[in-house]
Amino acid sequence: MVTWGRSFAIAFKILLVSALWYVLGFIAGLVLITVTGATTLLTALSSLEYLRDVVLNPWNAYTMVLGISTAIIIGAVIAVVGSIATMVKYIVEEAVREAREAKRPAIAG
């Protein structure tokens, strides 16, 4: 049977590794935003001429928003799937360890 101490140790490991996945997803999202749309957005905000082009051609704004939204979604998917995979990994490892210990014959003392 799993002890409370062992359960909390596993939960702490899951918390730490999940935090790393969320940081990785955040960084991936920021990189993708920078690559896809942040430079275009900054150009639009700093230049009235470019802003006029966006107003005259809404497709420019649409592609900018689509690129940024896609980057955010990809970063969130990386974070969530990595976190779920971490939970599954540590929980299954502990279940297998407990099953192996239960199979061993008790040593009479």
PDB file of N, CA and C in Angstrom:
ATOM      1  N   MET A   1       0.836  -1.179   0.000  1.00  0.00           N
ATOM      2  CA  MET A   1       0.000   0.000   0.000  1.00  0.00           C
ATOM      3  C   MET A   1       0.888   1.252   0.000  1.00  0.00           C
ATOM      4  N   VAL A   2       0.489   2.237  -0.758  1.00  0.00           N
ATOM      5  CA  VAL A   2       1.257   3.467  -0.880  1.00  0.00           C
ATOM      6  C   VAL A   2       1.082   4.302   0.391  1.00  0.00           C
ATOM      7  N   THR A   3       2.187   4.808   0.893  1.00  0.00           N
ATOM      8  CA  THR A   3       2.112   5.654   2.086  1.00  0.00           C
ATOM      9  C   THR A   3       1.812   7.089   1.696  1.00  0.00           C
ATOM     10  N   TRP A   4       1.362   7.860   2.678  1.00  0.00           N
ATOM     11  CA  TRP A   4       1.071   9.276   2.412  1.00  0.00           C
ATOM     12  C   TRP A   4       2.330  10.028   2.013  1.00  0.00           C
ATOM     13  N   GLY A   5       3.435   9.702   2.647  1.00  0.00           N
ATOM     14  CA  GLY A   5       4.693  10.370   2.318  1.00  0.00           C
ATOM     15  C   GLY A   5       5.106  10.113   0.877  1.00  0.00           C
ATOM     16  N   ARG A   6       4.957   8.858   0.452  1.00  0.00           N
ATOM     17  CA  ARG A   6       5.303   8.516  -0.935  1.00  0.00           C
ATOM     18  C   ARG A   6       4.361   9.224  -1.910  1.00  0.00           C
ATOM     19  N   SER A   7       3.072   9.286  -1.567  1.00  0.00           N
ATOM     20  CA  SER A   7       2.097   9.961  -2.422  1.00  0.00           C
ATOM     21  C   SER A   7       2.422  11.442  -2.581  1.00  0.00           C
ATOM     22  N   PHE A   8       2.769  12.095  -1.473  1.00  0.00           N
ATOM     23  CA  PHE A   8       3.113  13.512  -1.554  1.00  0.00           C
ATOM     24  C   PHE A   8       4.422  13.737  -2.291  1.00  0.00           C
ATOM     25  N   ALA A   9       5.360  12.806  -2.185  1.00  0.00           N
ATOM     26  CA  ALA A   9       6.616  12.924  -2.929  1.00  0.00           C
ATOM     27  C   ALA A   9       6.354  12.847  -4.433  1.00  0.00           C
ATOM     28  N   ILE A  10       5.497  11.917  -4.832  1.00  0.00           N
ATOM     29  CA  ILE A  10       5.161  11.791  -6.250  1.00  0.00           C
ATOM     30  C   ILE A  10       4.400  13.028  -6.726  1.00  0.00           C
ATOM     31  N   ALA A  11       3.470  13.517  -5.910  1.00  0.00           N
ATOM     32  CA  ALA A  11       2.716  14.723  -6.275  1.00  0.00           C
ATOM     33  C   ALA A  11       3.653  15.916  -6.442  1.00  0.00           C
ATOM     34  N   PHE A  12       4.675  16.014  -5.593  1.00  0.00           N
ATOM     35  CA  PHE A  12       5.633  17.115  -5.702  1.00  0.00           C
ATOM     36  C   PHE A  12       6.452  16.997  -6.983  1.00  0.00           C
ATOM     37  N   LYS A  13       6.841  15.766  -7.345  1.00  0.00           N
ATOM     38  CA  LYS A  13       7.562  15.557  -8.608  1.00  0.00           C
ATOM     39  C   LYS A  13       6.689  15.971  -9.794  1.00  0.00           C
ATOM     40  N   ILE A  14       5.424  15.564  -9.748  1.00  0.00           N
ATOM     41  CA  ILE A  14       4.501  15.926 -10.829  1.00  0.00           C
ATOM     42  C   ILE A  14       4.366  17.438 -10.924  1.00  0.00           C
ATOM     43  N   LEU A  15       4.267  18.100  -9.787  1.00  0.00           N
ATOM     44  CA  LEU A  15       4.146  19.559  -9.767  1.00  0.00           C
ATOM     45  C   LEU A  15       5.368  20.228 -10.388  1.00  0.00           C
ATOM     46  N   LEU A  16       6.553  19.773 -10.032  1.00  0.00           N
ATOM     47  CA  LEU A  16       7.776  20.374 -10.569  1.00  0.00           C
ATOM     48  C   LEU A  16       7.910  20.168 -12.076  1.00  0.00           C
ATOM     49  N   VAL A  17       7.691  18.943 -12.529  1.00  0.00           N
ATOM     50  CA  VAL A  17       7.848  18.672 -13.953  1.00  0.00           C
ATOM     51  C   VAL A  17       6.743  19.357 -14.755  1.00  0.00           C
ATOM     52  N   SER A  18       5.526  19.418 -14.204  1.00  0.00           N
ATOM     53  CA  SER A  18       4.444  20.126 -14.890  1.00  0.00           C
ATOM     54  C   SER A  18       4.756  21.611 -15.007  1.00  0.00           C
ATOM     55  N   ALA A  19       5.352  22.179 -13.975  1.00  0.00           N
ATOM     56  CA  ALA A  19       5.744  23.592 -14.041  1.00  0.00           C
ATOM     57  C   ALA A  19       6.759  23.809 -15.160  1.00  0.00           C
ATOM     58  N   LEU A  20       7.671  22.867 -15.326  1.00  0.00           N
ATOM     59  CA  LEU A  20       8.637  22.976 -16.423  1.00  0.00           C
ATOM     60  C   LEU A  20       7.932  22.914 -17.775  1.00  0.00           C
ATOM     61  N   TRP A  21       6.916  22.042 -17.899  1.00  0.00           N
ATOM     62  CA  TRP A  21       6.165  21.972 -19.153  1.00  0.00           C
ATOM     63  C   TRP A  21       5.426  23.273 -19.427  1.00  0.00           C
ATOM     64  N   TYR A  22       4.854  23.880 -18.393  1.00  0.00           N
ATOM     65  CA  TYR A  22       4.140  25.138 -18.607  1.00  0.00           C
ATOM     66  C   TYR A  22       5.099  26.264 -19.006  1.00  0.00           C
ATOM     67  N   VAL A  23       6.276  26.288 -18.414  1.00  0.00           N
ATOM     68  CA  VAL A  23       7.280  27.283 -18.808  1.00  0.00           C
ATOM     69  C   VAL A  23       7.713  27.046 -20.252  1.00  0.00           C
ATOM     70  N   LEU A  24       7.935  25.778 -20.616  1.00  0.00           N
ATOM     71  CA  LEU A  24       8.318  25.454 -21.988  1.00  0.00           C
ATOM     72  C   LEU A  24       7.224  25.858 -22.979  1.00  0.00           C
ATOM     73  N   GLY A  25       5.963  25.590 -22.641  1.00  0.00           N
ATOM     74  CA  GLY A  25       4.855  25.984 -23.512  1.00  0.00           C
ATOM     75  C   GLY A  25       4.742  27.489 -23.647  1.00  0.00           C
ATOM     76  N   PHE A  26       4.980  28.208 -22.548  1.00  0.00           N
ATOM     77  CA  PHE A  26       4.944  29.670 -22.575  1.00  0.00           C
ATOM     78  C   PHE A  26       6.044  30.220 -23.471  1.00  0.00           C
ATOM     79  N   ILE A  27       7.250  29.674 -23.339  1.00  0.00           N
ATOM     80  CA  ILE A  27       8.374  30.125 -24.161  1.00  0.00           C
ATOM     81  C   ILE A  27       8.122  29.802 -25.632  1.00  0.00           C
ATOM     82  N   ALA A  28       7.600  28.605 -25.909  1.00  0.00           N
ATOM     83  CA  ALA A  28       7.295  28.247 -27.302  1.00  0.00           C
ATOM     84  C   ALA A  28       6.254  29.196 -27.881  1.00  0.00           C
ATOM     85  N   GLY A  29       5.235  29.530 -27.102  1.00  0.00           N
ATOM     86  CA  GLY A  29       4.223  30.478 -27.556  1.00  0.00           C
ATOM     87  C   GLY A  29       4.807  31.845 -27.846  1.00  0.00           C
ATOM     88  N   LEU A  30       5.688  32.315 -26.958  1.00  0.00           N
ATOM     89  CA  LEU A  30       6.317  33.622 -27.179  1.00  0.00           C
ATOM     90  C   LEU A  30       7.195  33.633 -28.423  1.00  0.00           C
ATOM     91  N   VAL A  31       7.943  32.558 -28.615  1.00  0.00           N
ATOM     92  CA  VAL A  31       8.797  32.479 -29.807  1.00  0.00           C
ATOM     93  C   VAL A  31       7.942  32.483 -31.063  1.00  0.00           C
ATOM     94  N   LEU A  32       6.865  31.695 -31.055  1.00  0.00           N
ATOM     95  CA  LEU A  32       6.000  31.649 -32.229  1.00  0.00           C
ATOM     96  C   LEU A  32       5.297  32.979 -32.468  1.00  0.00           C
ATOM     97  N   ILE A  33       4.899  33.660 -31.400  1.00  0.00           N
ATOM     98  CA  ILE A  33       4.289  34.983 -31.563  1.00  0.00           C
ATOM     99  C   ILE A  33       5.292  35.944 -32.185  1.00  0.00           C
ATOM    100  N   THR A  34       6.522  35.880 -31.705  1.00  0.00           N
ATOM    101  CA  THR A  34       7.559  36.755 -32.251  1.00  0.00           C
ATOM    102  C   THR A  34       7.791  36.463 -33.725  1.00  0.00           C
ATOM    103  N   VAL A  35       7.821  35.192 -34.076  1.00  0.00           N
ATOM    104  CA  VAL A  35       8.066  34.812 -35.464  1.00  0.00           C
ATOM    105  C   VAL A  35       6.884  35.174 -36.360  1.00  0.00           C
ATOM    106  N   THR A  36       5.654  34.954 -35.873  1.00  0.00           N
ATOM    107  CA  THR A  36       4.495  35.097 -36.750  1.00  0.00           C
ATOM    108  C   THR A  36       3.922  36.500 -36.816  1.00  0.00           C
ATOM    109  N   GLY A  37       3.800  37.172 -35.676  1.00  0.00           N
ATOM    110  CA  GLY A  37       3.026  38.392 -35.771  1.00  0.00           C
ATOM    111  C   GLY A  37       3.451  39.582 -34.957  1.00  0.00           C
ATOM    112  N   ALA A  38       4.331  39.410 -34.011  1.00  0.00           N
ATOM    113  CA  ALA A  38       4.652  40.534 -33.144  1.00  0.00           C
ATOM    114  C   ALA A  38       5.337  41.661 -33.907  1.00  0.00           C
ATOM    115  N   THR A  39       6.222  41.330 -34.825  1.00  0.00           N
ATOM    116  CA  THR A  39       6.900  42.393 -35.580  1.00  0.00           C
ATOM    117  C   THR A  39       5.901  43.143 -36.457  1.00  0.00           C
ATOM    118  N   THR A  40       4.957  42.414 -37.028  1.00  0.00           N
ATOM    119  CA  THR A  40       3.921  43.060 -37.837  1.00  0.00           C
ATOM    120  C   THR A  40       3.045  43.945 -36.974  1.00  0.00           C
ATOM    121  N   LEU A  41       2.701  43.456 -35.790  1.00  0.00           N
ATOM    122  CA  LEU A  41       1.867  44.237 -34.882  1.00  0.00           C
ATOM    123  C   LEU A  41       2.586  45.507 -34.432  1.00  0.00           C
ATOM    124  N   LEU A  42       3.863  45.388 -34.088  1.00  0.00           N
ATOM    125  CA  LEU A  42       4.627  46.569 -33.672  1.00  0.00           C
ATOM    126  C   LEU A  42       4.766  47.563 -34.820  1.00  0.00           C
ATOM    127  N   THR A  43       4.947  47.065 -36.015  1.00  0.00           N
ATOM    128  CA  THR A  43       5.020  47.946 -37.179  1.00  0.00           C
ATOM    129  C   THR A  43       3.703  48.678 -37.368  1.00  0.00           C
ATOM    130  N   ALA A  44       2.611  47.949 -37.211  1.00  0.00           N
ATOM    131  CA  ALA A  44       1.289  48.558 -37.385  1.00  0.00           C
ATOM    132  C   ALA A  44       1.037  49.641 -36.343  1.00  0.00           C
ATOM    133  N   LEU A  45       1.471  49.399 -35.125  1.00  0.00           N
ATOM    134  CA  LEU A  45       1.232  50.380 -34.068  1.00  0.00           C
ATOM    135  C   LEU A  45       2.132  51.603 -34.181  1.00  0.00           C
ATOM    136  N   SER A  46       3.304  51.433 -34.783  1.00  0.00           N
ATOM    137  CA  SER A  46       4.247  52.541 -34.854  1.00  0.00           C
ATOM    138  C   SER A  46       4.155  53.347 -36.145  1.00  0.00           C
ATOM    139  N   SER A  47       3.485  52.817 -37.143  1.00  0.00           N
ATOM    140  CA  SER A  47       3.453  53.485 -38.429  1.00  0.00           C
ATOM    141  C   SER A  47       2.011  53.735 -38.863  1.00  0.00           C
ATOM    142  N   LEU A  48       1.671  54.993 -39.036  1.00  0.00           N
ATOM    143  CA  LEU A  48       0.326  55.332 -39.479  1.00  0.00           C
ATOM    144  C   LEU A  48       0.074  54.854 -40.901  1.00  0.00           C
ATOM    145  N   GLU A  49       1.119  54.830 -41.703  1.00  0.00           N
ATOM    146  CA  GLU A  49       0.968  54.376 -43.083  1.00  0.00           C
ATOM    147  C   GLU A  49       0.601  52.887 -43.113  1.00  0.00           C
ATOM    148  N   TYR A  50       1.275  52.109 -42.291  1.00  0.00           N
ATOM    149  CA  TYR A  50       0.962  50.683 -42.246  1.00  0.00           C
ATOM    150  C   TYR A  50      -0.438  50.463 -41.678  1.00  0.00           C
ATOM    151  N   LEU A  51      -0.803  51.258 -40.677  1.00  0.00           N
ATOM    152  CA  LEU A  51      -2.134  51.151 -40.098  1.00  0.00           C
ATOM    153  C   LEU A  51      -3.199  51.462 -41.139  1.00  0.00           C
ATOM    154  N   ARG A  52      -2.937  52.419 -42.006  1.00  0.00           N
ATOM    155  CA  ARG A  52      -3.861  52.738 -43.091  1.00  0.00           C
ATOM    156  C   ARG A  52      -3.999  51.558 -44.041  1.00  0.00           C
ATOM    157  N   ASP A  53      -2.884  50.864 -44.316  1.00  0.00           N
ATOM    158  CA  ASP A  53      -2.933  49.687 -45.175  1.00  0.00           C
ATOM    159  C   ASP A  53      -3.760  48.568 -44.539  1.00  0.00           C
ATOM    160  N   VAL A  54      -3.653  48.428 -43.225  1.00  0.00           N
ATOM    161  CA  VAL A  54      -4.436  47.404 -42.528  1.00  0.00           C
ATOM    162  C   VAL A  54      -5.918  47.730 -42.613  1.00  0.00           C
ATOM    163  N   VAL A  55      -6.251  49.002 -42.492  1.00  0.00           N
ATOM    164  CA  VAL A  55      -7.652  49.399 -42.574  1.00  0.00           C
ATOM    165  C   VAL A  55      -8.185  49.188 -43.989  1.00  0.00           C
ATOM    166  N   LEU A  56      -7.377  49.513 -44.981  1.00  0.00           N
ATOM    167  CA  LEU A  56      -7.808  49.340 -46.359  1.00  0.00           C
ATOM    168  C   LEU A  56      -7.863  47.873 -46.777  1.00  0.00           C
ATOM    169  N   ASN A  57      -7.003  47.062 -46.193  1.00  0.00           N
ATOM    170  CA  ASN A  57      -6.973  45.638 -46.514  1.00  0.00           C
ATOM    171  C   ASN A  57      -7.081  44.835 -45.216  1.00  0.00           C
ATOM    172  N   PRO A  58      -8.288  44.486 -44.782  1.00  0.00           N
ATOM    173  CA  PRO A  58      -8.474  43.786 -43.508  1.00  0.00           C
ATOM    174  C   PRO A  58      -7.805  42.417 -43.460  1.00  0.00           C
ATOM    175  N   TRP A  59      -7.460  41.869 -44.613  1.00  0.00           N
ATOM    176  CA  TRP A  59      -6.802  40.562 -44.623  1.00  0.00           C
ATOM    177  C   TRP A  59      -5.481  40.610 -43.854  1.00  0.00           C
ATOM    178  N   ASN A  60      -4.782  41.747 -43.879  1.00  0.00           N
ATOM    179  CA  ASN A  60      -3.531  41.879 -43.127  1.00  0.00           C
ATOM    180  C   ASN A  60      -3.783  41.704 -41.630  1.00  0.00           C
ATOM    181  N   ALA A  61      -4.814  42.341 -41.127  1.00  0.00           N
ATOM    182  CA  ALA A  61      -5.139  42.212 -39.698  1.00  0.00           C
ATOM    183  C   ALA A  61      -5.581  40.793 -39.372  1.00  0.00           C
ATOM    184  N   TYR A  62      -6.349  40.197 -40.280  1.00  0.00           N
ATOM    185  CA  TYR A  62      -6.822  38.832 -40.054  1.00  0.00           C
ATOM    186  C   TYR A  62      -5.655  37.860 -39.948  1.00  0.00           C
ATOM    187  N   THR A  63      -4.699  37.946 -40.846  1.00  0.00           N
ATOM    188  CA  THR A  63      -3.562  37.034 -40.811  1.00  0.00           C
ATOM    189  C   THR A  63      -2.705  37.264 -39.572  1.00  0.00           C
ATOM    190  N   MET A  64      -2.588  38.515 -39.141  1.00  0.00           N
ATOM    191  CA  MET A  64      -1.832  38.822 -37.934  1.00  0.00           C
ATOM    192  C   MET A  64      -2.490  38.185 -36.714  1.00  0.00           C
ATOM    193  N   VAL A  65      -3.794  38.361 -36.573  1.00  0.00           N
ATOM    194  CA  VAL A  65      -4.523  37.795 -35.434  1.00  0.00           C
ATOM    195  C   VAL A  65      -4.502  36.271 -35.499  1.00  0.00           C
ATOM    196  N   LEU A  66      -4.652  35.711 -36.684  1.00  0.00           N
ATOM    197  CA  LEU A  66      -4.624  34.263 -36.847  1.00  0.00           C
ATOM    198  C   LEU A  66      -3.258  33.696 -36.450  1.00  0.00           C
ATOM    199  N   GLY A  67      -2.198  34.351 -36.851  1.00  0.00           N
ATOM    200  CA  GLY A  67      -0.857  33.882 -36.502  1.00  0.00           C
ATOM    201  C   GLY A  67      -0.602  33.921 -35.009  1.00  0.00           C
ATOM    202  N   ILE A  68      -0.997  35.010 -34.367  1.00  0.00           N
ATOM    203  CA  ILE A  68      -0.795  35.132 -32.924  1.00  0.00           C
ATOM    204  C   ILE A  68      -1.659  34.123 -32.183  1.00  0.00           C
ATOM    205  N   SER A  69      -2.903  33.952 -32.605  1.00  0.00           N
ATOM    206  CA  SER A  69      -3.794  32.982 -31.960  1.00  0.00           C
ATOM    207  C   SER A  69      -3.260  31.560 -32.100  1.00  0.00           C
ATOM    208  N   THR A  70      -2.771  31.226 -33.267  1.00  0.00           N
ATOM    209  CA  THR A  70      -2.202  29.894 -33.493  1.00  0.00           C
ATOM    210  C   THR A  70      -0.992  29.668 -32.599  1.00  0.00           C
ATOM    211  N   ALA A  71      -0.159  30.666 -32.440  1.00  0.00           N
ATOM    212  CA  ALA A  71       1.022  30.547 -31.579  1.00  0.00           C
ATOM    213  C   ALA A  71       0.611  30.307 -30.131  1.00  0.00           C
ATOM    214  N   ILE A  72      -0.397  31.016 -29.665  1.00  0.00           N
ATOM    215  CA  ILE A  72      -0.865  30.840 -28.288  1.00  0.00           C
ATOM    216  C   ILE A  72      -1.445  29.443 -28.103  1.00  0.00           C
ATOM    217  N   ILE A  73      -2.203  28.972 -29.068  1.00  0.00           N
ATOM    218  CA  ILE A  73      -2.803  27.632 -28.970  1.00  0.00           C
ATOM    219  C   ILE A  73      -1.724  26.552 -28.963  1.00  0.00           C
ATOM    220  N   ILE A  74      -0.718  26.693 -29.802  1.00  0.00           N
ATOM    221  CA  ILE A  74       0.366  25.699 -29.843  1.00  0.00           C
ATOM    222  C   ILE A  74       1.112  25.673 -28.512  1.00  0.00           C
ATOM    223  N   GLY A  75       1.407  26.830 -27.943  1.00  0.00           N
ATOM    224  CA  GLY A  75       2.070  26.874 -26.639  1.00  0.00           C
ATOM    225  C   GLY A  75       1.230  26.243 -25.546  1.00  0.00           C
ATOM    226  N   ALA A  76      -0.079  26.490 -25.565  1.00  0.00           N
ATOM    227  CA  ALA A  76      -0.972  25.911 -24.556  1.00  0.00           C
ATOM    228  C   ALA A  76      -1.057  24.401 -24.711  1.00  0.00           C
ATOM    229  N   VAL A  77      -1.098  23.917 -25.947  1.00  0.00           N
ATOM    230  CA  VAL A  77      -1.161  22.469 -26.169  1.00  0.00           C
ATOM    231  C   VAL A  77       0.115  21.797 -25.668  1.00  0.00           C
ATOM    232  N   ILE A  78       1.257  22.394 -25.927  1.00  0.00           N
ATOM    233  CA  ILE A  78       2.525  21.843 -25.433  1.00  0.00           C
ATOM    234  C   ILE A  78       2.494  21.748 -23.911  1.00  0.00           C
ATOM    235  N   ALA A  79       2.028  22.800 -23.252  1.00  0.00           N
ATOM    236  CA  ALA A  79       2.003  22.828 -21.794  1.00  0.00           C
ATOM    237  C   ALA A  79       1.029  21.799 -21.225  1.00  0.00           C
ATOM    238  N   VAL A  80      -0.168  21.735 -21.759  1.00  0.00           N
ATOM    239  CA  VAL A  80      -1.192  20.841 -21.207  1.00  0.00           C
ATOM    240  C   VAL A  80      -0.864  19.374 -21.476  1.00  0.00           C
ATOM    241  N   VAL A  81      -0.484  19.049 -22.703  1.00  0.00           N
ATOM    242  CA  VAL A  81      -0.174  17.656 -23.027  1.00  0.00           C
ATOM    243  C   VAL A  81       1.069  17.192 -22.263  1.00  0.00           C
ATOM    244  N   GLY A  82       2.063  18.041 -22.136  1.00  0.00           N
ATOM    245  CA  GLY A  82       3.246  17.683 -21.349  1.00  0.00           C
ATOM    246  C   GLY A  82       2.917  17.450 -19.894  1.00  0.00           C
ATOM    247  N   SER A  83       2.037  18.270 -19.340  1.00  0.00           N
ATOM    248  CA  SER A  83       1.635  18.110 -17.950  1.00  0.00           C
ATOM    249  C   SER A  83       0.843  16.815 -17.739  1.00  0.00           C
ATOM    250  N   ILE A  84      -0.080  16.505 -18.645  1.00  0.00           N
ATOM    251  CA  ILE A  84      -0.853  15.264 -18.535  1.00  0.00           C
ATOM    252  C   ILE A  84       0.063  14.052 -18.681  1.00  0.00           C
ATOM    253  N   ALA A  85       0.991  14.106 -19.616  1.00  0.00           N
ATOM    254  CA  ALA A  85       1.933  12.997 -19.799  1.00  0.00           C
ATOM    255  C   ALA A  85       2.783  12.784 -18.543  1.00  0.00           C
ATOM    256  N   THR A  86       3.145  13.867 -17.886  1.00  0.00           N
ATOM    257  CA  THR A  86       3.914  13.762 -16.650  1.00  0.00           C
ATOM    258  C   THR A  86       3.111  13.053 -15.565  1.00  0.00           C
ATOM    259  N   MET A  87       1.845  13.435 -15.430  1.00  0.00           N
ATOM    260  CA  MET A  87       0.998  12.780 -14.429  1.00  0.00           C
ATOM    261  C   MET A  87       0.868  11.289 -14.715  1.00  0.00           C
ATOM    262  N   VAL A  88       0.594  10.941 -15.958  1.00  0.00           N
ATOM    263  CA  VAL A  88       0.429   9.530 -16.318  1.00  0.00           C
ATOM    264  C   VAL A  88       1.718   8.765 -16.039  1.00  0.00           C
ATOM    265  N   LYS A  89       2.853   9.332 -16.412  1.00  0.00           N
ATOM    266  CA  LYS A  89       4.134   8.659 -16.229  1.00  0.00           C
ATOM    267  C   LYS A  89       4.397   8.338 -14.768  1.00  0.00           C
ATOM    268  N   TYR A  90       4.298   9.325 -13.901  1.00  0.00           N
ATOM    269  CA  TYR A  90       4.621   9.105 -12.494  1.00  0.00           C
ATOM    270  C   TYR A  90       3.593   8.221 -11.795  1.00  0.00           C
ATOM    271  N   ILE A  91       2.317   8.350 -12.138  1.00  0.00           N
ATOM    272  CA  ILE A  91       1.301   7.519 -11.500  1.00  0.00           C
ATOM    273  C   ILE A  91       1.459   6.059 -11.915  1.00  0.00           C
ATOM    274  N   VAL A  92       1.710   5.812 -13.199  1.00  0.00           N
ATOM    275  CA  VAL A  92       1.892   4.432 -13.669  1.00  0.00           C
ATOM    276  C   VAL A  92       3.164   3.831 -13.088  1.00  0.00           C
ATOM    277  N   GLU A  93       4.236   4.599 -13.033  1.00  0.00           N
ATOM    278  CA  GLU A  93       5.472   4.084 -12.434  1.00  0.00           C
ATOM    279  C   GLU A  93       5.245   3.647 -10.996  1.00  0.00           C
ATOM    280  N   GLU A  94       4.514   4.432 -10.235  1.00  0.00           N
ATOM    281  CA  GLU A  94       4.257   4.083  -8.839  1.00  0.00           C
ATOM    282  C   GLU A  94       3.338   2.871  -8.738  1.00  0.00           C
ATOM    283  N   ALA A  95       2.359   2.764  -9.604  1.00  0.00           N
ATOM    284  CA  ALA A  95       1.464   1.605  -9.579  1.00  0.00           C
ATOM    285  C   ALA A  95       2.229   0.319  -9.904  1.00  0.00           C
ATOM    286  N   VAL A  96       3.118   0.386 -10.884  1.00  0.00           N
ATOM    287  CA  VAL A  96       3.918  -0.791 -11.243  1.00  0.00           C
ATOM    288  C   VAL A  96       4.849  -1.160 -10.091  1.00  0.00           C
ATOM    289  N   ARG A  97       5.436  -0.185  -9.454  1.00  0.00           N
ATOM    290  CA  ARG A  97       6.323  -0.449  -8.309  1.00  0.00           C
ATOM    291  C   ARG A  97       5.553  -1.122  -7.175  1.00  0.00           C
ATOM    292  N   GLU A  98       4.363  -0.648  -6.906  1.00  0.00           N
ATOM    293  CA  GLU A  98       3.540  -1.237  -5.848  1.00  0.00           C
ATOM    294  C   GLU A  98       3.116  -2.657  -6.208  1.00  0.00           C
ATOM    295  N   ALA A  99       2.785  -2.905  -7.479  1.00  0.00           N
ATOM    296  CA  ALA A  99       2.388  -4.240  -7.912  1.00  0.00           C
ATOM    297  C   ALA A  99       3.549  -5.221  -7.784  1.00  0.00           C
ATOM    298  N   ARG A 100       4.750  -4.772  -8.116  1.00  0.00           N
ATOM    299  CA  ARG A 100       5.917  -5.649  -7.975  1.00  0.00           C
ATOM    300  C   ARG A 100       6.199  -5.963  -6.520  1.00  0.00           C
ATOM    301  N   GLU A 101       6.040  -4.980  -5.657  1.00  0.00           N
ATOM    302  CA  GLU A 101       6.275  -5.221  -4.229  1.00  0.00           C
ATOM    303  C   GLU A 101       5.217  -6.149  -3.654  1.00  0.00           C
ATOM    304  N   ALA A 102       3.995  -6.080  -4.144  1.00  0.00           N
ATOM    305  CA  ALA A 102       2.916  -6.941  -3.643  1.00  0.00           C
ATOM    306  C   ALA A 102       3.138  -8.399  -4.072  1.00  0.00           C
ATOM    307  N   LYS A 103       3.821  -8.635  -5.195  1.00  0.00           N
ATOM    308  CA  LYS A 103       4.070  -9.987  -5.678  1.00  0.00           C
ATOM    309  C   LYS A 103       5.149 -10.710  -4.876  1.00  0.00           C
ATOM    310  N   ARG A 104       6.045  -9.968  -4.300  1.00  0.00           N
ATOM    311  CA  ARG A 104       7.148 -10.577  -3.547  1.00  0.00           C
ATOM    312  C   ARG A 104       6.607 -11.271  -2.297  1.00  0.00           C
ATOM    313  N   PRO A 105       7.125 -12.439  -2.018  1.00  0.00           N
ATOM    314  CA  PRO A 105       6.680 -13.101  -0.792  1.00  0.00           C
ATOM    315  C   PRO A 105       7.233 -12.390   0.439  1.00  0.00           C
ATOM    316  N   ALA A 106       6.453 -12.344   1.462  1.00  0.00           N
ATOM    317  CA  ALA A 106       6.898 -11.690   2.700  1.00  0.00           C
ATOM    318  C   ALA A 106       7.956 -12.564   3.358  1.00  0.00           C
ATOM    319  N   ILE A 107       8.951 -11.925   3.940  1.00  0.00           N
ATOM    320  CA  ILE A 107      10.050 -12.635   4.587  1.00  0.00           C
ATOM    321  C   ILE A 107       9.652 -12.856   6.046  1.00  0.00           C
ATOM    322  N   ALA A 108       9.566 -14.097   6.418  1.00  0.00           N
ATOM    323  CA  ALA A 108       9.195 -14.423   7.806  1.00  0.00           C
ATOM    324  C   ALA A 108      10.395 -14.183   8.694  1.00  0.00           C
ATOM    325  N   GLY A 109      10.144 -13.519   9.789  1.00  0.00           N
ATOM    326  CA  GLY A 109      11.290 -13.158  10.609  1.00  0.00           C
ATOM    327  C   GLY A 109      11.300 -13.702  11.925  1.00  0.00           C
TER     328      GLY A 109
END
